[in-house]
């Protein structure tokens, strides 16, 4: 598998995961390796994590999949607004 094909496949898998999850995976990273696909990122629920798996399966139904998406961490990084006097 040549690198241009690998990059194209990675982009296709990432787009399918984004579409399937409604872009609800924060910091999504998709690694397409010869032996498996690895998903990383953060999701609010296990349901969204599972949807990400289905997105990979749409493109690569037979591939070994490692879903390392973390579930349940606080997804916002906003600081609390200061109190006004």
N, C-alpha and C. Protein backbone atom coordinates (compact mmCIF):
# COMPACT_ATOMS: atom_id res chain seq x y z
N UNK A 1 0.87 -1.18 0.00
CA UNK A 1 0.00 0.00 0.00
C UNK A 1 0.90 1.22 0.00
N UNK A 2 0.80 2.08 -1.02
CA UNK A 2 1.60 3.28 -1.11
C UNK A 2 1.07 4.37 -0.21
N UNK A 3 1.93 5.32 0.08
CA UNK A 3 1.54 6.39 1.01
C UNK A 3 0.39 7.25 0.49
N UNK A 4 0.36 7.68 -0.79
CA UNK A 4 -0.80 8.48 -1.23
C UNK A 4 -2.12 7.75 -1.04
N UNK A 5 -2.14 6.45 -1.31
CA UNK A 5 -3.36 5.67 -1.09
C UNK A 5 -3.71 5.63 0.39
N UNK A 6 -2.69 5.46 1.23
CA UNK A 6 -2.91 5.40 2.67
C UNK A 6 -3.47 6.72 3.20
N UNK A 7 -2.94 7.83 2.72
CA UNK A 7 -3.45 9.14 3.16
C UNK A 7 -4.87 9.36 2.67
N UNK A 8 -5.16 8.93 1.46
CA UNK A 8 -6.52 9.05 0.92
C UNK A 8 -7.48 8.19 1.73
N UNK A 9 -7.07 6.98 2.06
CA UNK A 9 -7.91 6.08 2.84
C UNK A 9 -8.13 6.65 4.24
N UNK A 10 -7.09 7.19 4.85
CA UNK A 10 -7.21 7.80 6.18
C UNK A 10 -8.21 8.95 6.14
N UNK A 11 -8.12 9.80 5.13
CA UNK A 11 -9.05 10.93 5.01
C UNK A 11 -10.48 10.44 4.81
N UNK A 12 -10.65 9.38 4.02
CA UNK A 12 -11.99 8.82 3.78
C UNK A 12 -12.59 8.25 5.06
N UNK A 13 -11.78 7.52 5.83
CA UNK A 13 -12.26 6.95 7.09
C UNK A 13 -12.60 8.07 8.06
N UNK A 14 -11.73 9.07 8.18
CA UNK A 14 -11.98 10.18 9.10
C UNK A 14 -13.27 10.92 8.73
N UNK A 15 -13.49 11.16 7.45
CA UNK A 15 -14.70 11.85 7.01
C UNK A 15 -15.95 11.03 7.34
N UNK A 16 -15.86 9.73 7.13
CA UNK A 16 -17.01 8.86 7.41
C UNK A 16 -17.31 8.84 8.91
N UNK A 17 -16.27 8.80 9.75
CA UNK A 17 -16.47 8.83 11.20
C UNK A 17 -17.10 10.16 11.61
N UNK A 18 -16.59 11.25 11.05
CA UNK A 18 -17.14 12.58 11.37
C UNK A 18 -18.62 12.66 10.98
N UNK A 19 -18.92 12.17 9.78
CA UNK A 19 -20.31 12.20 9.31
C UNK A 19 -21.21 11.34 10.19
N UNK A 20 -20.74 10.14 10.52
CA UNK A 20 -21.55 9.19 11.28
C UNK A 20 -21.82 9.69 12.70
N UNK A 21 -20.84 10.40 13.28
CA UNK A 21 -20.98 10.86 14.66
C UNK A 21 -21.51 12.28 14.77
N UNK A 22 -21.79 12.92 13.64
CA UNK A 22 -22.23 14.30 13.69
C UNK A 22 -21.16 15.23 14.25
N UNK A 23 -19.91 14.85 14.00
CA UNK A 23 -18.74 15.64 14.45
C UNK A 23 -18.69 15.79 15.97
N UNK A 24 -19.16 14.76 16.67
CA UNK A 24 -19.19 14.81 18.13
C UNK A 24 -17.98 14.16 18.79
N UNK A 25 -16.96 13.83 18.01
CA UNK A 25 -15.71 13.32 18.58
C UNK A 25 -14.72 14.48 18.60
N UNK A 26 -14.29 14.85 19.77
CA UNK A 26 -13.30 15.93 19.91
C UNK A 26 -11.91 15.37 19.69
N UNK A 27 -11.06 16.15 19.06
CA UNK A 27 -9.66 15.77 18.83
C UNK A 27 -9.54 14.42 18.12
N UNK A 28 -10.38 14.18 17.14
CA UNK A 28 -10.37 12.90 16.42
C UNK A 28 -9.04 12.70 15.70
N UNK A 29 -8.48 11.52 15.88
CA UNK A 29 -7.29 11.11 15.14
C UNK A 29 -7.54 9.70 14.63
N UNK A 30 -7.29 9.49 13.35
CA UNK A 30 -7.47 8.19 12.72
C UNK A 30 -6.12 7.75 12.19
N UNK A 31 -5.67 6.58 12.61
CA UNK A 31 -4.43 6.00 12.09
C UNK A 31 -4.80 4.76 11.29
N UNK A 32 -4.46 4.76 10.02
CA UNK A 32 -4.68 3.58 9.18
C UNK A 32 -3.33 2.88 9.05
N UNK A 33 -3.23 1.72 9.67
CA UNK A 33 -2.01 0.92 9.63
C UNK A 33 -2.29 -0.32 8.80
N UNK A 34 -1.24 -0.97 8.33
CA UNK A 34 -1.47 -2.19 7.53
C UNK A 34 -2.27 -3.25 8.27
N UNK A 35 -2.06 -3.37 9.59
CA UNK A 35 -2.72 -4.44 10.34
C UNK A 35 -4.01 -4.02 11.03
N UNK A 36 -4.25 -2.69 11.18
CA UNK A 36 -5.47 -2.26 11.87
C UNK A 36 -5.66 -0.75 11.72
N UNK A 37 -6.85 -0.31 12.14
CA UNK A 37 -7.17 1.11 12.23
C UNK A 37 -7.27 1.46 13.71
N UNK A 38 -6.70 2.61 14.08
CA UNK A 38 -6.76 3.07 15.46
C UNK A 38 -7.52 4.40 15.49
N UNK A 39 -8.53 4.48 16.35
CA UNK A 39 -9.28 5.71 16.57
C UNK A 39 -8.90 6.30 17.91
N UNK A 40 -8.66 7.61 17.94
CA UNK A 40 -8.38 8.31 19.19
C UNK A 40 -9.21 9.59 19.21
N UNK A 41 -9.55 10.05 20.40
CA UNK A 41 -10.30 11.28 20.56
C UNK A 41 -11.10 11.22 21.84
N UNK A 42 -12.07 12.12 21.97
CA UNK A 42 -12.89 12.18 23.18
C UNK A 42 -14.36 12.30 22.77
N UNK A 43 -15.19 11.56 23.48
CA UNK A 43 -16.64 11.58 23.22
C UNK A 43 -17.39 11.70 24.53
N UNK A 44 -18.56 12.30 24.48
CA UNK A 44 -19.36 12.49 25.69
C UNK A 44 -20.05 11.19 26.12
N UNK A 45 -20.34 10.29 25.16
CA UNK A 45 -21.09 9.08 25.48
C UNK A 45 -20.49 7.86 24.78
N UNK A 46 -20.80 6.68 25.33
CA UNK A 46 -20.39 5.44 24.67
C UNK A 46 -21.11 5.27 23.33
N UNK A 47 -22.31 5.79 23.23
CA UNK A 47 -23.05 5.72 21.97
C UNK A 47 -22.28 6.38 20.83
N UNK A 48 -21.73 7.56 21.10
CA UNK A 48 -20.96 8.27 20.06
C UNK A 48 -19.69 7.48 19.73
N UNK A 49 -19.06 6.90 20.74
CA UNK A 49 -17.88 6.07 20.51
C UNK A 49 -18.24 4.90 19.59
N UNK A 50 -19.38 4.28 19.83
CA UNK A 50 -19.83 3.17 18.99
C UNK A 50 -20.14 3.63 17.57
N UNK A 51 -20.75 4.80 17.44
CA UNK A 51 -21.01 5.34 16.10
C UNK A 51 -19.72 5.51 15.31
N UNK A 52 -18.65 5.91 16.00
CA UNK A 52 -17.36 6.06 15.34
C UNK A 52 -16.89 4.73 14.76
N UNK A 53 -17.08 3.65 15.50
CA UNK A 53 -16.73 2.32 15.00
C UNK A 53 -17.51 1.99 13.73
N UNK A 54 -18.79 2.31 13.74
CA UNK A 54 -19.62 2.03 12.56
C UNK A 54 -19.13 2.84 11.35
N UNK A 55 -18.65 4.04 11.60
CA UNK A 55 -18.09 4.85 10.51
C UNK A 55 -16.88 4.18 9.87
N UNK A 56 -16.01 3.59 10.68
CA UNK A 56 -14.85 2.86 10.14
C UNK A 56 -15.34 1.66 9.35
N UNK A 57 -16.30 0.93 9.90
CA UNK A 57 -16.80 -0.29 9.25
C UNK A 57 -17.46 -0.01 7.88
N UNK A 58 -18.00 1.18 7.70
CA UNK A 58 -18.58 1.52 6.39
C UNK A 58 -17.52 1.53 5.31
N UNK A 59 -16.32 1.97 5.66
CA UNK A 59 -15.23 2.08 4.68
C UNK A 59 -14.40 0.80 4.64
N UNK A 60 -14.11 0.24 5.81
CA UNK A 60 -13.25 -0.94 5.91
C UNK A 60 -13.93 -2.00 6.77
N UNK A 61 -14.87 -2.75 6.21
CA UNK A 61 -15.68 -3.67 7.02
C UNK A 61 -14.91 -4.82 7.65
N UNK A 62 -13.77 -5.21 7.11
CA UNK A 62 -13.06 -6.39 7.60
C UNK A 62 -11.81 -6.05 8.41
N UNK A 63 -11.52 -4.78 8.61
CA UNK A 63 -10.27 -4.40 9.25
C UNK A 63 -10.34 -4.61 10.77
N UNK A 64 -9.20 -4.92 11.37
CA UNK A 64 -9.10 -4.97 12.82
C UNK A 64 -9.14 -3.53 13.32
N UNK A 65 -9.90 -3.29 14.38
CA UNK A 65 -10.13 -1.92 14.83
C UNK A 65 -9.79 -1.77 16.31
N UNK A 66 -9.00 -0.77 16.63
CA UNK A 66 -8.73 -0.40 18.02
C UNK A 66 -9.40 0.94 18.28
N UNK A 67 -10.42 0.94 19.10
CA UNK A 67 -11.15 2.16 19.41
C UNK A 67 -10.66 2.69 20.76
N UNK A 68 -9.75 3.66 20.70
CA UNK A 68 -9.15 4.23 21.91
C UNK A 68 -9.79 5.57 22.25
N UNK A 69 -11.00 5.80 21.77
CA UNK A 69 -11.72 7.04 22.09
C UNK A 69 -12.09 7.02 23.57
N UNK A 70 -11.78 8.10 24.26
CA UNK A 70 -12.08 8.23 25.69
C UNK A 70 -13.48 8.78 25.85
N UNK A 71 -14.25 8.18 26.75
CA UNK A 71 -15.64 8.58 26.97
C UNK A 71 -15.80 9.23 28.34
N UNK A 72 -16.58 10.31 28.35
CA UNK A 72 -17.03 10.87 29.61
C UNK A 72 -16.19 11.96 30.22
N UNK A 73 -15.06 12.29 29.62
CA UNK A 73 -14.28 13.40 30.15
C UNK A 73 -14.99 14.70 29.82
N UNK A 74 -14.74 15.68 30.64
CA UNK A 74 -15.31 17.00 30.39
C UNK A 74 -14.82 17.47 29.02
N UNK A 75 -15.75 17.81 28.14
CA UNK A 75 -15.39 18.12 26.76
C UNK A 75 -15.18 19.60 26.50
N UNK A 76 -15.50 20.46 27.45
CA UNK A 76 -15.28 21.88 27.23
C UNK A 76 -14.06 22.32 28.02
N UNK A 77 -13.37 23.29 27.49
CA UNK A 77 -12.18 23.80 28.16
C UNK A 77 -12.38 25.26 28.55
N UNK A 78 -13.64 25.68 28.54
CA UNK A 78 -13.93 27.07 28.88
C UNK A 78 -13.76 27.29 30.37
N UNK A 79 -13.17 28.41 30.72
CA UNK A 79 -13.05 28.79 32.12
C UNK A 79 -14.37 29.39 32.56
N UNK A 80 -14.71 29.25 33.82
CA UNK A 80 -15.94 29.87 34.29
C UNK A 80 -15.86 31.38 34.14
N UNK A 81 -16.98 31.98 33.83
CA UNK A 81 -16.97 33.44 33.63
C UNK A 81 -16.80 34.14 34.97
N UNK A 82 -16.02 35.21 34.98
CA UNK A 82 -15.79 35.91 36.24
C UNK A 82 -17.08 36.57 36.73
N UNK A 83 -17.21 36.65 38.04
CA UNK A 83 -18.39 37.28 38.64
C UNK A 83 -18.33 38.79 38.40
N UNK A 84 -19.45 39.34 38.08
CA UNK A 84 -19.50 40.80 37.85
C UNK A 84 -20.00 41.48 39.11
N UNK A 85 -19.41 42.63 39.41
CA UNK A 85 -19.81 43.35 40.62
C UNK A 85 -20.84 44.39 40.33
